[in-house]
Amino acid sequence: MITESAIVTRCKGKLVELELQRNSTCGQCELSKGCGTGALGRLLGHRSKPILIETEHDLKPGDRLQLGLSESALVKASLTIYGFPLLGMICAGLLTSLVTASEGLVAVAAIAGFFMGFKLASFVTNSLENRQFTPYIVDIHVNPDPGTRS
């Protein structure tokens, strides 16, 4: 199981909006200036997209959670997101190369197949109402009420 820390930012009935707490070492190791991951992080910034999950727990903004996701769900999602575009590119390029000898046309078909694979991956992930791809709450650390002090 893969776990990640999150903080509750908003509650709407059974839906809870979470912000992931990313623990990154970028900028703190000795390779920070020559590391590709660190350079990409500096270029794109460190933005966080909120996650919505449905829960029966009584949560409040500020509560800290430990979310979990099975390894098999991560592998299936990765194969869908990366595999379909790659498979589309290879299949479109091979089929076009069997029909024509033009390298330019094969390259254009491969690029078109790549984007068709992205569309297919998007359709598959949006149409699946599968709960295995949704993270679940493993542990809850309730934020004490700031108005009460001991």
Protein backbone atom coordinates (compact mmCIF):
# COMPACT_ATOMS: atom_id res chain seq x y z
CA MET A 1 0.00 0.00 0.00
CA ILE A 2 1.19 3.49 -0.85
CA THR A 3 0.43 6.20 1.71
CA GLU A 4 0.42 9.99 1.58
CA SER A 5 -0.35 12.68 4.16
CA ALA A 6 -3.17 15.16 3.55
CA ILE A 7 -4.96 18.00 5.33
CA VAL A 8 -8.72 18.58 5.20
CA THR A 9 -9.37 22.00 3.63
CA ARG A 10 -13.16 21.94 3.22
CA CYS A 11 -16.14 19.70 4.01
CA LYS A 12 -19.36 19.49 1.98
CA GLY A 13 -21.56 16.84 3.57
CA LYS A 14 -19.95 13.48 2.84
CA LEU A 15 -17.46 15.02 0.39
CA VAL A 16 -14.16 16.18 1.85
CA GLU A 17 -11.62 18.33 0.00
CA LEU A 18 -8.02 17.43 0.80
CA GLU A 19 -4.67 19.02 0.08
CA LEU A 20 -1.74 16.60 -0.19
CA GLN A 21 1.33 17.29 1.93
CA ARG A 22 4.15 16.55 -0.47
CA ASN A 23 7.47 15.74 1.09
CA SER A 24 10.10 16.58 -1.46
CA THR A 25 13.84 16.66 -1.05
CA CYS A 26 14.32 18.92 -4.07
CA GLY A 27 16.57 21.80 -3.20
CA GLN A 28 17.97 20.06 -0.15
CA CYS A 29 20.30 17.44 -1.59
CA GLU A 30 23.75 18.14 -2.98
CA LEU A 31 22.55 17.66 -6.59
CA SER A 32 19.80 20.28 -6.41
CA LYS A 33 21.27 22.47 -9.16
CA GLY A 34 22.03 19.61 -11.56
CA CYS A 35 18.98 17.45 -10.89
CA GLY A 36 16.35 17.23 -13.63
CA THR A 37 13.52 16.75 -11.14
CA GLY A 38 14.56 19.82 -9.18
CA ALA A 39 14.83 21.89 -12.37
CA LEU A 40 11.39 20.76 -13.52
CA GLY A 41 9.95 21.59 -10.09
CA ARG A 42 11.44 25.09 -10.21
CA LEU A 43 10.10 25.59 -13.74
CA LEU A 44 6.54 24.40 -13.05
CA GLY A 45 6.28 25.55 -9.45
CA HIS A 46 4.93 23.55 -6.57
CA ARG A 47 1.20 23.65 -7.16
CA SER A 48 -1.17 21.36 -5.38
CA LYS A 49 -4.48 20.22 -6.84
CA PRO A 50 -7.16 19.46 -4.24
CA ILE A 51 -8.59 15.95 -4.01
CA LEU A 52 -12.24 15.19 -3.28
CA ILE A 53 -13.12 11.96 -1.51
CA GLU A 54 -16.34 10.66 -0.02
CA THR A 55 -16.23 9.60 3.61
CA GLU A 56 -18.50 8.72 6.50
CA HIS A 57 -16.04 10.17 9.06
CA ASP A 58 -16.87 13.43 10.84
CA LEU A 59 -13.95 15.56 9.67
CA LYS A 60 -13.26 19.27 10.03
CA PRO A 61 -10.88 21.62 8.21
CA GLY A 62 -7.39 21.26 9.60
CA ASP A 63 -7.64 17.54 10.37
CA ARG A 64 -4.65 15.55 9.16
CA LEU A 65 -5.21 12.27 7.33
CA GLN A 66 -3.13 9.41 6.07
CA LEU A 67 -4.45 8.29 2.66
CA GLY A 68 -3.78 4.89 1.14
CA LEU A 69 -3.86 3.44 -2.37
CA SER A 70 -3.08 -0.13 -3.37
CA GLU A 71 -0.03 -0.81 -5.52
CA SER A 72 -2.14 -2.66 -8.07
CA ALA A 73 -4.36 0.43 -8.57
CA LEU A 74 -1.25 2.54 -9.16
CA VAL A 75 0.14 0.04 -11.68
CA LYS A 76 -3.20 -0.19 -13.55
CA ALA A 77 -3.52 3.61 -13.65
CA SER A 78 0.07 3.98 -14.88
CA LEU A 79 -0.42 1.38 -17.60
CA THR A 80 -3.58 3.15 -18.73
CA ILE A 81 -2.10 6.64 -18.73
CA TYR A 82 1.28 5.74 -20.27
CA GLY A 83 0.50 2.51 -22.12
CA PHE A 84 -2.41 3.62 -24.30
CA PRO A 85 -0.56 6.58 -25.88
CA LEU A 86 2.56 4.48 -26.43
CA LEU A 87 0.57 1.60 -27.91
CA GLY A 88 -1.38 4.01 -30.13
CA MET A 89 1.84 5.57 -31.41
CA ILE A 90 3.47 2.21 -32.18
CA CYS A 91 0.37 0.69 -33.83
CA ALA A 92 -0.38 3.76 -35.96
CA GLY A 93 3.25 4.03 -37.05
CA LEU A 94 3.51 0.32 -37.92
CA LEU A 95 0.23 0.22 -39.82
CA THR A 96 1.12 3.32 -41.80
CA SER A 97 4.58 1.97 -42.62
CA LEU A 98 2.96 -1.16 -44.09
CA VAL A 99 0.78 0.96 -46.39
CA THR A 100 3.25 3.65 -47.48
CA ALA A 101 6.99 4.16 -47.71
CA SER A 102 6.83 7.87 -46.81
CA GLU A 103 8.70 8.47 -43.56
CA GLY A 104 6.96 11.79 -43.03
CA LEU A 105 3.54 10.19 -43.24
CA VAL A 106 4.60 7.45 -40.81
CA ALA A 107 5.80 10.11 -38.35
CA VAL A 108 2.54 12.06 -38.64
CA ALA A 109 0.51 8.86 -38.14
CA ALA A 110 2.61 7.92 -35.10
CA ILE A 111 2.01 11.35 -33.55
CA ALA A 112 -1.73 11.07 -34.32
CA GLY A 113 -1.79 7.60 -32.75
CA PHE A 114 -0.05 8.99 -29.67
CA PHE A 115 -2.75 11.63 -29.18
CA MET A 116 -5.52 9.11 -29.93
CA GLY A 117 -4.03 6.95 -27.15
CA PHE A 118 -4.29 9.91 -24.77
CA LYS A 119 -7.94 10.38 -25.76
CA LEU A 120 -8.62 6.69 -25.21
CA ALA A 121 -6.88 6.77 -21.81
CA SER A 122 -8.95 9.81 -20.84
CA PHE A 123 -12.17 8.10 -21.94
CA VAL A 124 -11.32 4.90 -20.04
CA THR A 125 -10.38 6.69 -16.81
CA ASN A 126 -13.44 8.97 -16.94
CA SER A 127 -15.87 6.16 -17.73
CA LEU A 128 -14.62 3.82 -15.02
CA GLU A 129 -16.59 4.17 -11.82
CA ASN A 130 -14.10 1.94 -10.07
CA ARG A 131 -13.43 2.61 -6.40
CA GLN A 132 -10.03 0.92 -6.56
CA PHE A 133 -8.54 4.06 -8.12
CA THR A 134 -9.84 6.26 -5.29
CA PRO A 135 -7.60 6.76 -2.26
CA TYR A 136 -9.03 5.75 1.09
CA ILE A 137 -8.45 7.00 4.63
CA VAL A 138 -5.97 4.89 6.60
CA ASP A 139 -5.54 7.07 9.71
CA ILE A 140 -7.04 10.30 11.09
CA HIS A 141 -5.25 12.83 13.31
CA VAL A 142 -7.98 15.19 14.53
CA ASN A 143 -6.91 18.81 14.76
CA PRO A 144 -7.62 20.01 18.30
CA ASP A 145 -9.92 23.00 18.60
CA PRO A 146 -7.68 26.10 18.75
CA GLY A 147 -10.14 27.78 21.14
CA THR A 148 -9.51 25.27 23.93
CA ARG A 149 -6.15 25.35 25.70
CA SER A 150 -5.03 23.18 28.58
